Amino acid sequence: MPRHLFTMCFAVLAFAVLALSAGCQNCPMCPDGASSQIVPLPTATPQVADKIYSEVRQSLVAVQYTFASELGSTDYTGQGVVVSDDGLVMTSMSLFPLGIPNAQMQNFKIIIPGDEETEIEALFEGRDERTNVAFIRAKPPVPPATSSATQPAAADAQPRHWKPLTFVENPPQAGDHVYSVGLLPQSVGFHAFIAESTVCAAFRGPVPQILVSAGGLTTTASPVLNTRGQAIGLANAQVTQANLLLADKANPLGALASPPRLFVPSRDFLQSLADTPSAASPLKLPWLGVTQVTGLKKEMLEYYNLKGQTAVQIGEVIADGAAAKAGIKNGDIIVKLNGQSLERGDEPDEAAAIMLRKLGRLKVGAQVSFAIRSSTQRRDSTHNVTVTLMDRPKMAHEAIRAYFDDLGFAVRELVFNDTYARKIPVDSKGVLVSLVKPSSSAQSGHLAGGDLVTQINKTPVADLDHFKKLYTDFRKANPKEAVVLEVLRGVNTEVVRIEPPQ
């Protein structure tokens, strides 16, 4: 976000209020095609706030899981919102960053606040990278084995009544009062609280965001509501406040010193609520097969005779990817998507991220049309290209891992990004070093994270399972001998000798 926008907040608000007093003329806060007739919202009053607080807090829960890394376990707790009557909970993806591998997230729980907190085992349904939210679902109660027709099941085996919150698309106007309801940290019992603020401005970046006044919102992943009590957005994760409710006991309210001031309108994540990720059927995300896509600035637009337009340029087209199969070349310029001009953000270079995010919300196999202008041919010649989106290759957080405690290192299977970054064939063999334990034998032997292991004791490594077998067999037969690895480090091949602890 441009840094000057916060200083403009109150000027924008004053201007918007004057505009509203004269009648709305499709202001930038309204969606395309919105009516110029404004339906006024109820006035913000203590009674309205109390009603919203009483109703919404029943839909708020804490979400907890354990990050079981090779170096130890850490519990993470954040806020969630119940969104279905079967115990589906939505939260911000900031609680489940992509840096944490799927396989190392365990022991999911939903914590229901109250005088006596209730913990319910849950299933992680998945992250939704299309909209930056994540979902977990309460496991259904299991009746005790002793229950029968004459002996009813225990109370904890009875279905729980969940109170879901329904999000609607109702974009706020500058000057509208909004409320957010959130949970305080665990050290104060996850107590619910409410905050009132005023809408200042809307930003047009890759993720649409709405700025509120200095009072701010409550906590990350808190629902934002208008004075009708409609849930119209979700508070954004910010650098100054992560989606964590494990506050310092010495300062349990410290997070309130820097509350969020941005929220995402419902329209940005309603797709996730209609097409929710599932552990049984993970989302398949589409892939264009290009890298380094950039939005063209004013000077470059003028150079390519595109003055006043929005365009993005392809840096590199990946061989055998969707774009390559459609004939798109390195350096090609995209000026239209499906016959429509590209959207620009508040900064021209945000156009690339906006376009890629739009594509990311489509289905694998969807066909999209691009109007392309070559950077090497006539600068005013445009042609259309139809691309069939492919399934995105496996990412690092999805890769299977293995840890070898005796020498203190972990490896994982190779993914596309590993081979692409090294400019080696996509079908290259080996495993990637994902962790080296401090003060371990592996660290003493100068093994490094990111090393690509191609051989162990002069035997080529095919994949993760092969490496595990070779390593286990060797260590079992030779517990006191050194393990010798051949690794690709950057563009250089090196030999690493790791002596076992004596």
Protein backbone atom coordinates (compact mmCIF):
# COMPACT_ATOMS: atom_id res chain seq x y z
CA MET A 1 0.00 0.00 0.00
CA PRO A 2 1.40 3.48 -0.81
CA ARG A 3 2.66 5.00 2.42
CA HIS A 4 0.91 8.30 1.84
CA LEU A 5 -2.55 6.74 2.04
CA PHE A 6 -2.73 6.73 5.83
CA THR A 7 -2.02 10.45 5.97
CA MET A 8 -4.81 11.03 3.46
CA CYS A 9 -7.39 9.12 5.53
CA PHE A 10 -9.13 12.05 7.16
CA ALA A 11 -9.07 14.14 3.98
CA VAL A 12 -10.70 11.28 2.09
CA LEU A 13 -13.31 10.91 4.82
CA ALA A 14 -14.16 14.61 4.80
CA PHE A 15 -14.49 14.64 1.02
CA ALA A 16 -16.67 11.52 1.08
CA VAL A 17 -19.02 12.97 3.68
CA LEU A 18 -19.49 16.10 1.55
CA ALA A 19 -20.15 13.91 -1.49
CA LEU A 20 -22.71 11.87 0.40
CA SER A 21 -24.55 15.00 1.51
CA ALA A 22 -24.95 15.98 -2.15
CA GLY A 23 -26.03 12.48 -3.28
CA CYS A 24 -23.87 9.56 -4.41
CA GLN A 25 -22.74 9.52 -8.03
CA ASN A 26 -21.25 6.02 -8.23
CA CYS A 27 -18.34 6.86 -5.94
CA PRO A 28 -15.23 4.64 -6.05
CA MET A 29 -16.45 2.75 -2.97
CA CYS A 30 -19.40 1.32 -4.92
CA PRO A 31 -19.13 -1.79 -7.13
CA ASP A 32 -19.44 -1.33 -10.88
CA GLY A 33 -22.98 -0.68 -11.96
CA ALA A 34 -24.21 0.17 -8.45
CA SER A 35 -27.29 2.33 -8.17
CA SER A 36 -26.83 5.98 -7.32
CA GLN A 37 -29.60 5.66 -4.72
CA ILE A 38 -28.20 5.21 -1.21
CA VAL A 39 -30.18 3.14 1.29
CA PRO A 40 -29.16 4.71 4.60
CA LEU A 41 -27.86 2.45 7.35
CA PRO A 42 -29.27 2.63 10.87
CA THR A 43 -27.54 5.11 13.14
CA ALA A 44 -24.71 3.78 15.27
CA THR A 45 -25.96 3.72 18.86
CA PRO A 46 -24.98 1.90 22.07
CA GLN A 47 -28.06 -0.28 21.62
CA VAL A 48 -26.95 -1.31 18.11
CA ALA A 49 -23.45 -2.08 19.37
CA ASP A 50 -24.76 -4.13 22.29
CA LYS A 51 -27.03 -6.19 20.03
CA ILE A 52 -24.21 -6.90 17.57
CA TYR A 53 -21.85 -7.82 20.39
CA SER A 54 -24.35 -10.18 22.02
CA GLU A 55 -25.09 -12.02 18.78
CA VAL A 56 -21.69 -12.18 17.11
CA ARG A 57 -19.66 -13.33 20.10
CA GLN A 58 -21.59 -16.61 20.00
CA SER A 59 -19.98 -17.33 16.61
CA LEU A 60 -16.40 -16.66 17.73
CA VAL A 61 -14.01 -19.43 18.74
CA ALA A 62 -10.30 -19.90 19.21
CA VAL A 63 -8.41 -22.19 16.83
CA GLN A 64 -5.37 -24.06 18.14
CA TYR A 65 -2.85 -26.49 16.66
CA THR A 66 0.67 -27.77 17.29
CA PHE A 67 3.58 -27.06 14.96
CA ALA A 68 5.64 -30.22 15.46
CA SER A 69 8.99 -29.31 13.92
CA GLU A 70 12.19 -31.31 14.10
CA LEU A 71 13.49 -28.93 16.76
CA GLY A 72 10.46 -29.11 19.06
CA SER A 73 6.75 -28.42 19.28
CA THR A 74 4.99 -25.05 19.51
CA ASP A 75 1.29 -24.34 19.99
CA TYR A 76 -0.35 -21.62 17.90
CA THR A 77 -3.72 -20.14 18.73
CA GLY A 78 -5.75 -17.66 16.71
CA GLN A 79 -9.30 -16.47 16.24
CA GLY A 80 -11.87 -18.22 14.10
CA VAL A 81 -15.46 -17.60 13.01
CA VAL A 82 -18.07 -20.36 12.85
CA VAL A 83 -19.52 -20.32 9.32
CA SER A 84 -21.73 -23.43 9.21
CA ASP A 85 -23.97 -25.30 11.63
CA ASP A 86 -21.82 -28.44 11.44
CA GLY A 87 -18.82 -26.77 13.10
CA LEU A 88 -16.90 -25.38 10.10
CA VAL A 89 -14.62 -22.54 11.22
CA MET A 90 -12.94 -19.94 9.01
CA THR A 91 -9.82 -18.07 10.03
CA SER A 92 -7.07 -16.01 8.46
CA MET A 93 -4.38 -17.95 6.60
CA SER A 94 -1.84 -15.96 8.63
CA LEU A 95 -2.40 -18.55 11.38
CA PHE A 96 -1.27 -21.27 8.94
CA PRO A 97 1.58 -19.68 6.95
CA LEU A 98 2.92 -21.60 3.96
CA GLY A 99 6.30 -21.79 5.70
CA ILE A 100 4.84 -24.46 7.98
CA PRO A 101 4.65 -27.80 6.13
CA ASN A 102 1.28 -29.53 6.06
CA ALA A 103 2.72 -32.66 7.65
CA GLN A 104 4.00 -30.74 10.68
CA MET A 105 0.64 -29.30 11.75
CA GLN A 106 -1.04 -31.55 14.34
CA ASN A 107 -3.56 -31.69 17.18
CA PHE A 108 -6.14 -29.27 15.83
CA LYS A 109 -8.67 -27.96 18.32
CA ILE A 110 -11.58 -25.57 18.46
CA ILE A 111 -11.80 -23.78 21.81
CA ILE A 112 -15.20 -22.40 22.78
CA PRO A 113 -14.78 -19.43 25.15
CA GLY A 114 -16.69 -19.36 28.41
CA ASP A 115 -16.34 -19.65 32.15
CA GLU A 116 -15.32 -23.23 31.46
CA GLU A 117 -13.50 -23.40 28.15
CA THR A 118 -14.52 -26.34 25.96
CA GLU A 119 -11.94 -27.96 23.69
CA ILE A 120 -13.20 -29.89 20.68
CA GLU A 121 -10.97 -31.99 18.45
CA ALA A 122 -10.95 -30.73 14.89
CA LEU A 123 -9.82 -31.62 11.39
CA PHE A 124 -7.74 -29.25 9.28
CA GLU A 125 -9.62 -28.84 6.01
CA GLY A 126 -6.95 -26.74 4.33
CA ARG A 127 -5.64 -23.36 3.33
CA ASP A 128 -7.34 -21.48 0.53
CA GLU A 129 -4.65 -19.50 -1.23
CA ARG A 130 -7.26 -18.01 -3.57
CA THR A 131 -8.61 -15.84 -0.75
CA ASN A 132 -6.05 -16.09 2.09
CA VAL A 133 -8.35 -17.87 4.51
CA ALA A 134 -8.15 -21.33 6.10
CA PHE A 135 -10.71 -23.76 7.49
CA ILE A 136 -10.94 -26.34 10.25
CA ARG A 137 -13.97 -28.45 11.13
CA ALA A 138 -15.06 -29.94 14.43
CA LYS A 139 -14.88 -33.73 14.50
CA PRO A 140 -18.32 -35.29 15.01
CA PRO A 141 -18.93 -36.69 18.51
CA VAL A 142 -18.32 -40.41 18.94
CA PRO A 143 -20.92 -42.18 21.10
CA PRO A 144 -19.43 -44.27 23.92
CA ALA A 145 -19.26 -47.99 23.25
CA THR A 146 -21.46 -48.62 26.29
CA SER A 147 -24.37 -46.50 25.07
CA SER A 148 -27.56 -48.36 24.16
CA ALA A 149 -31.28 -47.85 23.83
CA THR A 150 -31.66 -48.18 27.61
CA GLN A 151 -28.51 -46.22 28.49
CA PRO A 152 -28.23 -42.90 26.63
CA ALA A 153 -24.91 -41.62 25.31
CA ALA A 154 -22.85 -39.27 27.43
CA ALA A 155 -23.41 -35.55 27.10
CA ASP A 156 -20.09 -35.02 25.30
CA ALA A 157 -21.28 -37.41 22.58
CA GLN A 158 -24.34 -35.33 21.76
CA PRO A 159 -24.30 -33.10 18.65
CA ARG A 160 -23.23 -29.55 19.45
CA HIS A 161 -25.34 -26.59 18.44
CA TRP A 162 -23.18 -24.18 16.45
CA LYS A 163 -24.21 -20.59 15.70
CA PRO A 164 -22.79 -19.72 12.27
CA LEU A 165 -22.23 -16.18 11.07
CA THR A 166 -23.39 -15.42 7.53
CA PHE A 167 -21.24 -13.06 5.44
CA VAL A 168 -22.91 -10.94 2.77
CA GLU A 169 -21.71 -8.67 0.01
CA ASN A 170 -22.66 -5.15 1.00
CA PRO A 171 -19.71 -2.81 0.37
CA PRO A 172 -19.56 0.06 2.86
CA GLN A 173 -19.36 3.70 1.89
CA ALA A 174 -16.83 6.21 3.13
CA GLY A 175 -18.13 7.61 6.40
CA ASP A 176 -20.11 4.48 7.38
CA HIS A 177 -19.80 3.23 10.94
CA VAL A 178 -18.63 -0.36 11.22
CA TYR A 179 -18.11 -2.71 14.15
CA SER A 180 -15.76 -5.61 14.66
CA VAL A 181 -16.07 -8.24 17.37
CA GLY A 182 -13.02 -10.22 18.44
CA LEU A 183 -11.48 -12.27 21.19
CA LEU A 184 -8.91 -11.16 23.73
CA PRO A 185 -5.91 -13.45 24.36
CA GLN A 186 -5.99 -16.73 26.22
CA SER A 187 -4.54 -15.15 29.36
CA VAL A 188 -7.82 -13.24 29.82
CA GLY A 189 -10.07 -16.15 28.96
CA PHE A 190 -10.67 -15.37 25.26
CA HIS A 191 -13.12 -12.71 26.39
CA ALA A 192 -15.06 -11.13 23.51
CA PHE A 193 -14.88 -7.37 22.89
CA ILE A 194 -16.22 -4.93 20.32
CA ALA A 195 -14.71 -1.93 18.53
CA GLU A 196 -16.39 0.82 16.52
CA SER A 197 -14.71 2.72 13.71
CA THR A 198 -15.46 4.67 10.54
CA VAL A 199 -14.70 3.71 6.95
CA CYS A 200 -12.07 6.01 5.47
CA ALA A 201 -11.10 4.64 2.06
CA ALA A 202 -11.00 1.60 -0.21
CA PHE A 203 -7.80 0.42 -1.90
CA ARG A 204 -7.59 -1.32 -5.27
CA GLY A 205 -4.59 -3.58 -4.77
CA PRO A 206 -4.40 -7.32 -5.50
CA VAL A 207 -6.36 -7.89 -2.29
CA PRO A 208 -9.16 -5.31 -1.95
CA GLN A 209 -8.87 -3.62 1.43
CA ILE A 210 -10.88 -1.06 3.32
CA LEU A 211 -9.23 1.39 5.71
CA VAL A 212 -10.96 2.44 8.91
CA SER A 213 -10.33 5.33 11.28
CA ALA A 214 -7.76 5.44 14.07
CA GLY A 215 -9.95 3.53 16.52
CA GLY A 216 -9.24 0.44 14.48
CA LEU A 217 -10.76 -3.03 14.58
CA THR A 218 -10.46 -5.76 17.18
CA THR A 219 -8.16 -8.64 16.20
CA THR A 220 -7.04 -10.44 13.05
CA ALA A 221 -9.80 -12.68 11.60
CA SER A 222 -12.52 -10.70 13.39
CA PRO A 223 -15.77 -10.24 11.46
CA VAL A 224 -16.61 -6.66 10.47
CA LEU A 225 -20.28 -5.66 10.56
CA ASN A 226 -22.36 -2.68 9.51
CA THR A 227 -24.99 -1.08 11.71
CA ARG A 228 -27.60 -3.53 10.40
CA GLY A 229 -25.55 -6.32 11.94
CA GLN A 230 -24.58 -7.75 8.54
CA ALA A 231 -21.13 -9.36 8.39
CA ILE A 232 -19.47 -7.50 5.50
CA GLY A 233 -15.78 -8.33 5.91
CA LEU A 234 -12.92 -9.89 7.84
CA ALA A 235 -10.08 -8.04 9.58
CA ASN A 236 -6.75 -8.41 7.78
CA ALA A 237 -3.54 -9.79 9.19
CA GLN A 238 -0.97 -7.02 9.55
CA VAL A 239 2.73 -6.96 10.37
CA THR A 240 2.01 -5.30 13.70
CA GLN A 241 -0.60 -7.86 14.77
CA ALA A 242 -0.55 -11.52 13.78
CA ASN A 243 -3.48 -13.89 14.17
CA LEU A 244 -2.30 -15.10 17.58
CA LEU A 245 -4.15 -15.17 20.89
CA LEU A 246 -1.25 -16.42 23.02
CA ALA A 247 -0.44 -13.04 24.52
CA ASP A 248 2.20 -12.28 27.10
CA LYS A 249 0.67 -12.88 30.55
CA ALA A 250 2.52 -9.85 31.86
CA ASN A 251 0.78 -7.66 29.27
CA PRO A 252 -2.35 -9.53 28.10
CA LEU A 253 -3.83 -6.47 26.41
CA GLY A 254 -0.64 -5.44 24.62
CA ALA A 255 -2.09 -6.32 21.22
CA LEU A 256 -4.73 -3.62 21.65
CA ALA A 257 -2.02 -0.96 21.39
CA SER A 258 -1.77 -1.62 17.65
CA PRO A 259 -5.17 -2.81 16.38
CA PRO A 260 -5.78 -3.71 12.72
CA ARG A 261 -7.08 -0.89 10.56
CA LEU A 262 -7.76 -2.79 7.36
CA PHE A 263 -10.39 -5.36 6.49
CA VAL A 264 -11.18 -7.40 3.41
CA PRO A 265 -14.75 -7.05 2.09
CA SER A 266 -16.81 -10.23 1.98
CA ARG A 267 -16.86 -10.37 -1.80
CA ASP A 268 -13.18 -11.31 -1.73
CA PHE A 269 -13.68 -14.57 0.21
CA LEU A 270 -17.28 -15.58 -0.52
CA GLN A 271 -15.85 -17.96 -3.14
CA SER A 272 -14.16 -19.91 -0.34
CA LEU A 273 -17.41 -20.22 1.59
CA ALA A 274 -19.15 -21.58 -1.51
CA ASP A 275 -16.26 -23.85 -2.51
CA THR A 276 -14.57 -24.79 0.76
CA PRO A 277 -11.28 -26.72 0.82
CA SER A 278 -11.55 -30.27 2.11
CA ALA A 279 -8.95 -32.57 3.66
CA ALA A 280 -10.49 -35.45 1.70
CA SER A 281 -10.37 -33.50 -1.58
CA PRO A 282 -7.70 -30.75 -1.51
CA LEU A 283 -8.10 -27.77 -3.79
CA LYS A 284 -6.42 -27.96 -7.17
CA LEU A 285 -5.13 -24.53 -8.10
CA PRO A 286 -4.64 -23.40 -11.71
CA TRP A 287 -1.24 -22.53 -13.10
CA LEU A 288 -0.34 -20.28 -16.01
CA GLY A 289 3.29 -21.40 -16.17
CA VAL A 290 5.05 -18.03 -16.21
CA THR A 291 7.34 -16.17 -13.81
CA GLN A 292 8.34 -12.59 -13.08
CA VAL A 293 5.13 -11.00 -14.33
CA THR A 294 5.33 -7.23 -13.88
CA GLY A 295 2.96 -4.32 -14.39
CA LEU A 296 4.22 -1.75 -16.90
CA LYS A 297 4.81 1.76 -15.64
CA LYS A 298 3.91 4.93 -17.48
CA GLU A 299 7.18 5.24 -19.39
CA MET A 300 7.06 1.66 -20.70
CA LEU A 301 3.39 1.98 -21.65
CA GLU A 302 4.22 5.01 -23.76
CA TYR A 303 7.15 3.16 -25.36
CA TYR A 304 4.84 0.34 -26.48
CA ASN A 305 2.13 2.78 -27.67
CA LEU A 306 -0.13 1.79 -24.78
CA LYS A 307 -0.50 5.20 -23.17
CA GLY A 308 -3.48 5.35 -20.82
CA GLN A 309 -3.88 1.56 -20.75
CA THR A 310 -2.97 -1.12 -18.21
CA ALA A 311 -0.62 -3.90 -19.27
CA VAL A 312 1.64 -6.56 -17.78
CA GLN A 313 4.78 -8.12 -19.19
CA ILE A 314 5.81 -11.77 -18.96
CA GLY A 315 9.35 -12.25 -17.70
CA GLU A 316 9.86 -15.93 -18.45
CA VAL A 317 7.65 -18.65 -19.89
CA ILE A 318 8.23 -22.07 -18.34
CA ALA A 319 8.75 -24.91 -20.80
CA ASP A 320 5.79 -27.30 -21.08
CA GLY A 321 3.63 -24.93 -18.99
CA ALA A 322 0.19 -23.70 -20.02
CA ALA A 323 1.47 -20.41 -21.48
CA ALA A 324 4.22 -22.13 -23.46
CA LYS A 325 1.79 -24.62 -24.98
CA ALA A 326 -0.38 -21.70 -26.10
CA GLY A 327 2.55 -20.00 -27.82
CA ILE A 328 3.23 -17.15 -25.37
CA LYS A 329 6.87 -16.01 -25.47
CA ASN A 330 9.29 -14.44 -23.01
CA GLY A 331 8.72 -10.68 -22.85
CA ASP A 332 5.21 -10.77 -24.34
CA ILE A 333 2.85 -8.07 -23.10
CA ILE A 334 -0.73 -8.84 -22.02
CA VAL A 335 -3.18 -5.99 -22.57
CA LYS A 336 -6.54 -7.77 -22.15
CA LEU A 337 -7.96 -10.76 -20.29
CA ASN A 338 -11.04 -12.44 -21.79
CA GLY A 339 -11.68 -9.38 -23.92
CA GLN A 340 -11.61 -6.97 -20.98
CA SER A 341 -8.99 -4.36 -20.15
CA LEU A 342 -6.74 -5.32 -17.24
CA GLU A 343 -7.44 -3.83 -13.84
CA ARG A 344 -4.85 -1.60 -12.26
CA GLY A 345 -4.31 -1.09 -8.57
CA ASP A 346 -3.44 2.09 -6.75
CA GLU A 347 0.02 1.58 -8.25
CA PRO A 348 0.54 0.47 -11.90
CA ASP A 349 2.81 -2.44 -10.99
CA GLU A 350 -0.02 -4.04 -8.96
CA ALA A 351 -1.77 -4.93 -12.23
CA ALA A 352 0.27 -8.15 -12.54
CA ALA A 353 -0.70 -9.42 -9.08
CA ILE A 354 -4.36 -8.53 -9.70
CA MET A 355 -4.39 -10.48 -12.98
CA LEU A 356 -2.66 -13.53 -11.46
CA ARG A 357 -5.03 -13.53 -8.49
CA LYS A 358 -8.00 -13.50 -10.87
CA LEU A 359 -6.56 -16.46 -12.74
CA GLY A 360 -5.89 -18.23 -9.45
CA ARG A 361 -9.61 -18.23 -8.68
CA LEU A 362 -10.46 -20.19 -11.82
CA LYS A 363 -10.62 -23.97 -12.14
CA VAL A 364 -7.89 -26.20 -13.51
CA GLY A 365 -8.72 -26.74 -17.19
CA ALA A 366 -10.43 -23.37 -17.60
CA GLN A 367 -9.69 -21.57 -20.86
CA VAL A 368 -8.74 -17.90 -20.80
CA SER A 369 -8.08 -15.53 -23.67
CA PHE A 370 -5.25 -13.00 -23.67
CA ALA A 371 -4.71 -10.10 -26.04
CA ILE A 372 -0.94 -10.21 -26.55
CA ARG A 373 1.46 -7.64 -27.91
CA SER A 374 4.94 -8.89 -28.75
CA SER A 375 7.82 -6.87 -27.35
CA THR A 376 10.04 -7.73 -30.31
CA GLN A 377 7.71 -7.15 -33.26
CA ARG A 378 5.53 -4.22 -34.36
CA ARG A 379 4.60 -2.23 -31.28
CA ASP A 380 0.99 -1.77 -32.40
CA SER A 381 0.28 -5.38 -33.42
CA THR A 382 -1.95 -7.37 -31.06
CA HIS A 383 -3.08 -10.98 -31.37
CA ASN A 384 -5.30 -13.23 -29.23
CA VAL A 385 -4.08 -16.37 -27.49
CA THR A 386 -6.22 -18.97 -25.70
CA VAL A 387 -4.60 -20.69 -22.73
CA THR A 388 -5.87 -23.81 -20.93
CA LEU A 389 -4.84 -23.50 -17.27
CA MET A 390 -2.91 -26.45 -15.87
CA ASP A 391 -2.73 -27.96 -12.38
CA ARG A 392 -0.17 -26.10 -10.26
CA PRO A 393 2.90 -28.23 -9.43
CA LYS A 394 3.39 -29.42 -5.86
CA MET A 395 4.71 -26.72 -3.52
CA ALA A 396 7.33 -27.00 -0.78
CA HIS A 397 4.79 -27.01 2.07
CA GLU A 398 3.06 -30.00 0.44
CA ALA A 399 6.27 -32.05 0.13
CA ILE A 400 6.87 -35.19 2.23
CA ARG A 401 9.76 -34.94 4.71
CA ALA A 402 12.04 -37.17 6.74
CA TYR A 403 14.22 -36.33 9.77
CA PHE A 404 17.39 -38.18 10.79
CA ASP A 405 17.93 -37.41 14.45
CA ASP A 406 21.28 -39.18 14.84
CA LEU A 407 23.07 -36.75 12.52
CA GLY A 408 20.61 -33.86 12.93
CA PHE A 409 19.23 -33.07 9.49
CA ALA A 410 15.97 -33.34 7.56
CA VAL A 411 15.29 -33.76 3.85
CA ARG A 412 12.20 -33.54 1.69
CA GLU A 413 11.14 -34.56 -1.76
CA LEU A 414 11.98 -32.24 -4.65
CA VAL A 415 9.29 -29.95 -6.03
CA PHE A 416 9.12 -27.91 -9.21
CA ASN A 417 10.41 -24.70 -7.63
CA ASP A 418 13.57 -26.51 -6.47
CA THR A 419 14.51 -27.56 -9.99
CA TYR A 420 13.40 -24.29 -11.59
CA ALA A 421 15.52 -22.18 -9.22
CA ARG A 422 18.60 -24.24 -10.10
CA LYS A 423 17.85 -24.32 -13.84
CA ILE A 424 18.03 -28.12 -13.90
CA PRO A 425 15.60 -30.57 -15.56
CA VAL A 426 12.24 -30.83 -13.86
CA ASP A 427 12.66 -34.60 -13.57
CA SER A 428 16.00 -34.34 -11.74
CA LYS A 429 16.61 -36.91 -9.02
CA GLY A 430 17.53 -36.38 -5.37
CA VAL A 431 16.23 -34.84 -2.15
CA LEU A 432 16.47 -31.34 -0.69
CA VAL A 433 17.92 -30.58 2.75
CA SER A 434 15.12 -28.76 4.58
CA LEU A 435 16.75 -28.36 8.00
CA VAL A 436 20.12 -28.70 9.72
CA LYS A 437 19.96 -28.89 13.50
CA PRO A 438 22.24 -26.40 15.30
CA SER A 439 25.33 -27.98 16.91
CA SER A 440 24.62 -31.29 15.19
CA SER A 441 26.96 -33.62 13.32
CA ALA A 442 25.37 -32.42 10.06
CA GLN A 443 26.21 -28.81 10.87
CA SER A 444 29.78 -29.77 11.86
CA GLY A 445 30.08 -31.51 8.48
CA HIS A 446 28.99 -28.26 6.77
CA LEU A 447 25.71 -29.58 5.38
CA ALA A 448 23.45 -26.60 4.62
CA GLY A 449 19.73 -26.02 4.23
CA GLY A 450 18.82 -25.91 0.55
CA ASP A 451 21.51 -28.41 -0.49
CA LEU A 452 20.22 -30.81 -3.14
CA VAL A 453 21.50 -34.31 -2.28
CA THR A 454 22.19 -36.33 -5.42
CA GLN A 455 24.29 -39.19 -3.98
CA ILE A 456 24.82 -40.93 -0.65
CA ASN A 457 28.02 -42.97 -0.27
CA LYS A 458 28.53 -42.82 -4.06
CA THR A 459 25.06 -44.25 -4.77
CA PRO A 460 22.73 -41.99 -6.82
CA VAL A 461 19.54 -40.98 -4.97
CA ALA A 462 16.27 -41.45 -6.87
CA ASP A 463 13.75 -39.92 -4.46
CA LEU A 464 12.88 -39.53 -0.79
CA ASP A 465 11.93 -43.18 -0.19
CA HIS A 466 15.13 -44.32 -1.87
CA PHE A 467 17.24 -41.95 0.23
CA LYS A 468 15.58 -43.15 3.45
CA LYS A 469 16.30 -46.77 2.60
CA LEU A 470 19.92 -46.13 1.61
CA TYR A 471 20.54 -44.05 4.71
CA THR A 472 18.83 -46.46 7.11
CA ASP A 473 20.58 -49.53 5.68
CA PHE A 474 23.98 -47.85 5.82
CA ARG A 475 23.61 -46.53 9.36
CA LYS A 476 22.39 -49.91 10.59
CA ALA A 477 25.33 -51.74 9.05
CA ASN A 478 27.92 -49.03 9.77
CA PRO A 479 26.85 -47.11 12.90
CA LYS A 480 30.29 -45.54 13.46
CA GLU A 481 31.26 -44.67 9.90
CA ALA A 482 30.81 -41.30 8.23
CA VAL A 483 28.03 -40.64 5.77
CA VAL A 484 29.28 -39.06 2.54
CA LEU A 485 26.80 -36.95 0.57
CA GLU A 486 27.24 -35.41 -2.85
CA VAL A 487 25.20 -32.20 -3.01
CA LEU A 488 24.36 -29.52 -5.55
CA ARG A 489 24.87 -26.17 -3.82
CA GLY A 490 23.88 -23.35 -6.13
CA VAL A 491 25.56 -24.33 -9.39
CA ASN A 492 28.45 -26.18 -7.74
CA THR A 493 28.71 -29.84 -6.77
CA GLU A 494 30.31 -30.46 -3.38
CA VAL A 495 31.05 -33.44 -1.19
CA VAL A 496 29.91 -33.35 2.45
CA ARG A 497 31.31 -35.83 4.97
CA ILE A 498 29.29 -36.20 8.19
CA GLU A 499 30.90 -38.03 11.10
CA PRO A 500 28.44 -39.69 13.50
CA PRO A 501 28.60 -38.70 17.19
CA GLN A 502 30.97 -40.97 19.10
